Structures are given as C-alpha cells and as structure tokens.
N, C-alpha and C. Protein backbone atom coordinates (compact mmCIF):
# COMPACT_ATOMS: atom_id res chain seq x y z
N MET A 1 -3.67 -0.67 11.00
CA MET A 1 -3.49 -2.06 10.64
C MET A 1 -2.16 -2.26 9.91
N GLN A 2 -1.72 -1.25 9.20
CA GLN A 2 -0.43 -1.37 8.51
C GLN A 2 0.70 -1.60 9.51
N ARG A 3 0.68 -0.89 10.65
CA ARG A 3 1.73 -1.10 11.66
C ARG A 3 1.69 -2.52 12.18
N LEU A 4 0.50 -3.04 12.43
CA LEU A 4 0.35 -4.42 12.89
C LEU A 4 0.88 -5.38 11.84
N TYR A 5 0.48 -5.17 10.60
CA TYR A 5 0.93 -6.02 9.49
C TYR A 5 2.45 -6.03 9.39
N ALA A 6 3.08 -4.89 9.61
CA ALA A 6 4.53 -4.79 9.51
C ALA A 6 5.25 -5.46 10.68
N MET A 7 4.62 -5.54 11.84
CA MET A 7 5.34 -6.05 13.01
C MET A 7 5.17 -7.54 13.27
N LEU A 8 4.14 -8.17 12.73
CA LEU A 8 3.93 -9.59 13.01
C LEU A 8 4.64 -10.47 11.98
N PRO A 9 5.00 -11.70 12.39
CA PRO A 9 5.78 -12.58 11.51
C PRO A 9 5.01 -13.00 10.25
N LYS A 10 5.55 -12.67 9.09
CA LYS A 10 4.86 -12.94 7.81
C LYS A 10 4.69 -14.45 7.55
N ASP A 11 5.57 -15.25 8.11
CA ASP A 11 5.47 -16.69 7.88
C ASP A 11 4.39 -17.35 8.74
N LYS A 12 3.88 -16.62 9.75
CA LYS A 12 2.87 -17.20 10.64
C LYS A 12 1.58 -16.39 10.71
N PHE A 13 1.59 -15.21 10.11
CA PHE A 13 0.45 -14.30 10.21
C PHE A 13 0.13 -13.74 8.83
N LYS A 14 -1.12 -13.84 8.44
CA LYS A 14 -1.57 -13.30 7.16
C LYS A 14 -2.66 -12.27 7.41
N MET A 15 -2.61 -11.22 6.65
CA MET A 15 -3.63 -10.18 6.73
C MET A 15 -4.09 -9.89 5.30
N LEU A 16 -5.37 -9.70 5.15
CA LEU A 16 -5.94 -9.43 3.85
C LEU A 16 -7.06 -8.41 4.01
N ALA A 17 -7.01 -7.36 3.22
CA ALA A 17 -8.10 -6.39 3.18
C ALA A 17 -9.04 -6.79 2.06
N ILE A 18 -10.31 -6.52 2.22
CA ILE A 18 -11.29 -6.85 1.18
C ILE A 18 -11.93 -5.56 0.70
N LEU A 19 -11.82 -5.32 -0.59
CA LEU A 19 -12.47 -4.18 -1.23
C LEU A 19 -13.85 -4.65 -1.66
N ASN A 20 -14.87 -4.15 -0.96
CA ASN A 20 -16.21 -4.69 -1.17
C ASN A 20 -17.10 -3.74 -1.95
N SER A 21 -17.25 -2.53 -1.49
CA SER A 21 -18.18 -1.62 -2.16
C SER A 21 -17.54 -0.29 -2.52
N ASP A 22 -16.23 -0.19 -2.32
CA ASP A 22 -15.53 1.05 -2.63
C ASP A 22 -15.06 1.05 -4.08
N ASP A 23 -14.87 2.24 -4.60
CA ASP A 23 -14.34 2.41 -5.94
C ASP A 23 -12.87 1.96 -5.97
N PRO A 24 -12.50 1.00 -6.81
CA PRO A 24 -11.13 0.50 -6.85
C PRO A 24 -10.09 1.60 -7.08
N ALA A 25 -10.37 2.58 -7.92
CA ALA A 25 -9.41 3.65 -8.17
C ALA A 25 -9.20 4.49 -6.92
N MET A 26 -10.27 4.76 -6.18
CA MET A 26 -10.13 5.52 -4.94
C MET A 26 -9.37 4.71 -3.90
N ALA A 27 -9.63 3.42 -3.85
CA ALA A 27 -8.92 2.55 -2.90
C ALA A 27 -7.43 2.52 -3.23
N ASP A 28 -7.07 2.41 -4.50
CA ASP A 28 -5.66 2.42 -4.91
C ASP A 28 -4.99 3.73 -4.49
N THR A 29 -5.68 4.83 -4.69
CA THR A 29 -5.14 6.14 -4.30
C THR A 29 -4.90 6.18 -2.79
N PHE A 30 -5.86 5.71 -2.03
CA PHE A 30 -5.74 5.67 -0.57
C PHE A 30 -4.56 4.81 -0.14
N LEU A 31 -4.43 3.64 -0.72
CA LEU A 31 -3.33 2.73 -0.37
C LEU A 31 -1.97 3.36 -0.65
N ARG A 32 -1.85 3.99 -1.80
CA ARG A 32 -0.58 4.65 -2.16
C ARG A 32 -0.31 5.85 -1.25
N GLN A 33 -1.33 6.65 -1.01
CA GLN A 33 -1.17 7.86 -0.20
C GLN A 33 -0.67 7.54 1.20
N PHE A 34 -1.15 6.45 1.78
CA PHE A 34 -0.78 6.10 3.15
C PHE A 34 0.24 4.95 3.22
N ASN A 35 0.82 4.61 2.06
CA ASN A 35 1.85 3.58 1.98
C ASN A 35 1.40 2.27 2.63
N ILE A 36 0.22 1.84 2.29
CA ILE A 36 -0.34 0.61 2.84
C ILE A 36 0.03 -0.55 1.91
N THR A 37 0.63 -1.58 2.50
CA THR A 37 1.12 -2.72 1.72
C THR A 37 0.35 -4.00 2.00
N ILE A 38 -0.71 -3.90 2.76
CA ILE A 38 -1.55 -5.08 3.05
C ILE A 38 -2.15 -5.56 1.73
N PRO A 39 -2.11 -6.88 1.47
CA PRO A 39 -2.76 -7.38 0.25
C PRO A 39 -4.26 -7.05 0.26
N VAL A 40 -4.81 -6.77 -0.92
CA VAL A 40 -6.22 -6.39 -1.03
C VAL A 40 -6.92 -7.34 -2.01
N LEU A 41 -8.01 -7.93 -1.55
CA LEU A 41 -8.85 -8.78 -2.40
C LEU A 41 -9.97 -7.91 -2.95
N ASP A 42 -10.13 -7.89 -4.26
CA ASP A 42 -11.21 -7.13 -4.89
C ASP A 42 -12.46 -8.01 -4.91
N ASP A 43 -13.43 -7.65 -4.10
CA ASP A 43 -14.68 -8.41 -3.99
C ASP A 43 -15.86 -7.59 -4.50
N GLN A 44 -15.65 -6.90 -5.62
CA GLN A 44 -16.71 -6.06 -6.18
C GLN A 44 -17.94 -6.87 -6.57
N LYS A 45 -17.76 -8.18 -6.84
CA LYS A 45 -18.91 -9.02 -7.20
C LYS A 45 -19.57 -9.62 -5.96
N ASN A 46 -19.05 -9.24 -4.78
CA ASN A 46 -19.64 -9.62 -3.50
C ASN A 46 -19.77 -11.13 -3.31
N LYS A 47 -18.71 -11.85 -3.62
CA LYS A 47 -18.71 -13.30 -3.44
C LYS A 47 -18.15 -13.71 -2.07
N VAL A 48 -17.23 -12.93 -1.54
CA VAL A 48 -16.60 -13.26 -0.26
C VAL A 48 -17.35 -12.67 0.92
N GLY A 49 -17.76 -11.41 0.80
CA GLY A 49 -18.43 -10.70 1.89
C GLY A 49 -19.57 -11.47 2.54
N PRO A 50 -20.51 -12.00 1.78
CA PRO A 50 -21.63 -12.72 2.39
C PRO A 50 -21.20 -13.97 3.16
N LYS A 51 -20.11 -14.58 2.78
CA LYS A 51 -19.65 -15.78 3.48
C LYS A 51 -19.22 -15.49 4.91
N TYR A 52 -18.82 -14.24 5.15
CA TYR A 52 -18.42 -13.84 6.50
C TYR A 52 -19.45 -12.96 7.18
N GLY A 53 -20.58 -12.76 6.55
CA GLY A 53 -21.61 -11.92 7.14
C GLY A 53 -21.22 -10.46 7.19
N LEU A 54 -20.49 -10.02 6.17
CA LEU A 54 -20.05 -8.63 6.10
C LEU A 54 -21.25 -7.71 6.11
N THR A 55 -21.27 -6.78 7.08
CA THR A 55 -22.42 -5.89 7.19
C THR A 55 -22.06 -4.43 6.97
N GLY A 56 -20.80 -4.08 7.10
CA GLY A 56 -20.36 -2.70 6.93
C GLY A 56 -18.87 -2.62 7.12
N LEU A 57 -18.35 -1.44 6.95
CA LEU A 57 -16.91 -1.30 7.02
C LEU A 57 -16.55 -0.25 8.05
N PRO A 58 -15.49 -0.36 8.77
CA PRO A 58 -14.57 -1.50 8.72
C PRO A 58 -15.05 -2.65 9.60
N GLU A 59 -14.74 -3.85 9.18
CA GLU A 59 -14.96 -5.06 9.96
C GLU A 59 -13.68 -5.88 9.89
N THR A 60 -13.35 -6.53 10.98
CA THR A 60 -12.15 -7.34 11.03
C THR A 60 -12.51 -8.72 11.56
N PHE A 61 -11.99 -9.73 10.91
CA PHE A 61 -12.23 -11.11 11.29
C PHE A 61 -10.89 -11.75 11.63
N ILE A 62 -10.79 -12.38 12.80
CA ILE A 62 -9.59 -13.10 13.21
C ILE A 62 -9.90 -14.57 12.99
N ILE A 63 -9.15 -15.17 12.08
CA ILE A 63 -9.35 -16.58 11.72
C ILE A 63 -8.09 -17.33 12.08
N ASP A 64 -8.23 -18.44 12.81
CA ASP A 64 -7.04 -19.16 13.24
C ASP A 64 -6.48 -20.04 12.12
N LYS A 65 -5.41 -20.76 12.45
CA LYS A 65 -4.71 -21.59 11.45
C LYS A 65 -5.58 -22.67 10.84
N THR A 66 -6.61 -23.10 11.57
CA THR A 66 -7.47 -24.16 11.07
C THR A 66 -8.68 -23.63 10.31
N GLY A 67 -8.76 -22.29 10.21
CA GLY A 67 -9.87 -21.69 9.47
C GLY A 67 -11.07 -21.34 10.32
N VAL A 68 -10.94 -21.46 11.64
CA VAL A 68 -12.05 -21.15 12.55
C VAL A 68 -12.06 -19.65 12.85
N LEU A 69 -13.22 -19.05 12.69
CA LEU A 69 -13.40 -17.64 13.03
C LEU A 69 -13.38 -17.51 14.55
N ARG A 70 -12.38 -16.78 15.08
CA ARG A 70 -12.21 -16.64 16.52
C ARG A 70 -12.78 -15.32 17.06
N LYS A 71 -12.65 -14.26 16.30
CA LYS A 71 -13.13 -12.95 16.75
C LYS A 71 -13.63 -12.16 15.54
N LYS A 72 -14.62 -11.31 15.80
CA LYS A 72 -15.09 -10.38 14.78
C LYS A 72 -15.19 -9.02 15.44
N PHE A 73 -14.55 -8.03 14.82
CA PHE A 73 -14.58 -6.66 15.31
C PHE A 73 -15.32 -5.80 14.30
N ILE A 74 -16.26 -5.02 14.77
CA ILE A 74 -16.94 -4.07 13.91
C ILE A 74 -16.49 -2.69 14.32
N GLY A 75 -16.00 -1.93 13.36
CA GLY A 75 -15.49 -0.60 13.65
C GLY A 75 -13.98 -0.61 13.84
N ALA A 76 -13.46 0.56 14.08
CA ALA A 76 -12.02 0.71 14.24
C ALA A 76 -11.58 0.11 15.57
N ALA A 77 -10.31 -0.29 15.61
CA ALA A 77 -9.73 -0.85 16.84
C ALA A 77 -8.26 -0.44 16.89
N PRO A 78 -7.68 -0.44 18.08
CA PRO A 78 -6.26 -0.10 18.21
C PRO A 78 -5.39 -1.32 17.86
N TRP A 79 -5.21 -1.57 16.58
CA TRP A 79 -4.62 -2.83 16.13
C TRP A 79 -3.18 -3.07 16.57
N ASP A 80 -2.45 -2.03 16.88
CA ASP A 80 -1.08 -2.24 17.34
C ASP A 80 -0.96 -2.08 18.86
N SER A 81 -2.08 -2.19 19.57
CA SER A 81 -2.06 -2.09 21.03
C SER A 81 -1.52 -3.40 21.62
N PRO A 82 -0.94 -3.34 22.82
CA PRO A 82 -0.42 -4.57 23.46
C PRO A 82 -1.49 -5.65 23.63
N GLU A 83 -2.73 -5.25 23.92
CA GLU A 83 -3.80 -6.23 24.13
C GLU A 83 -4.12 -6.99 22.84
N ILE A 84 -4.23 -6.27 21.75
CA ILE A 84 -4.53 -6.91 20.46
C ILE A 84 -3.37 -7.80 20.02
N ILE A 85 -2.16 -7.31 20.17
CA ILE A 85 -0.99 -8.10 19.78
C ILE A 85 -0.91 -9.38 20.61
N LYS A 86 -1.18 -9.28 21.91
CA LYS A 86 -1.19 -10.46 22.78
C LYS A 86 -2.23 -11.48 22.30
N MET A 87 -3.44 -11.00 21.99
CA MET A 87 -4.49 -11.89 21.50
C MET A 87 -4.08 -12.58 20.21
N LEU A 88 -3.52 -11.81 19.28
CA LEU A 88 -3.11 -12.40 18.00
C LEU A 88 -1.96 -13.38 18.18
N MET A 89 -1.01 -13.05 19.04
CA MET A 89 0.12 -13.96 19.27
C MET A 89 -0.35 -15.28 19.88
N LYS A 90 -1.41 -15.23 20.65
CA LYS A 90 -1.99 -16.46 21.22
C LYS A 90 -2.42 -17.39 20.07
N TYR A 91 -3.09 -16.84 19.09
CA TYR A 91 -3.53 -17.66 17.96
C TYR A 91 -2.36 -18.06 17.06
N ILE A 92 -1.41 -17.17 16.88
CA ILE A 92 -0.24 -17.48 16.05
C ILE A 92 0.55 -18.64 16.66
N ASN A 93 0.66 -18.66 17.97
CA ASN A 93 1.49 -19.65 18.64
C ASN A 93 0.78 -20.95 18.99
N GLN A 94 -0.47 -21.07 18.65
CA GLN A 94 -1.22 -22.31 18.93
C GLN A 94 -0.72 -23.44 18.06
C-alpha cells in the first residue's frame, strides 16, 4: 500500500490506515521499520471501525469523493497492480 500511496496524486487521493486493535508501540515500530508514511488513525476506542463494519484485518475500503463506499476488500491485495490502479483512477477522475 505504501507504493500505491506514493504513486497516486496527493491532491486527489487520500489514504488512511486505522489502528484498531494493535498495540500502538508495535505499530509505530512496524511503520518505522518499513518506512511507511501513510497517515494512521488511532481507533483504540473503536469508534470508527463499527461505522464501516470492520470485521478483521487487513480490510480496505474504497470511498469516492462524495463519501460513497464503492469497494471493500478483505485480506491482502496487489495494491500497486495495473488493475487496482485503473480502478482507483476511475474514481479519482470522476
């Protein structure tokens, strides 16, 4: 996801990771170790997760410019693949 985050236009594309049930110190270590710069929302009080029906990790939600949930992925995905980039660019360019 970091590669995807780095390649898409920051003025038209936003990415946010949600820390839901992981230890914040371990998450910080992981982010630093792998040079991940995606913004992270700390949801330790579980206020955001239920609003999206978060059931486990990893989960990815694609939300368009108007706030409509367009896609939900459960599990890992090839985020920098041509197919995913094409799908995201469709929503970015709407």
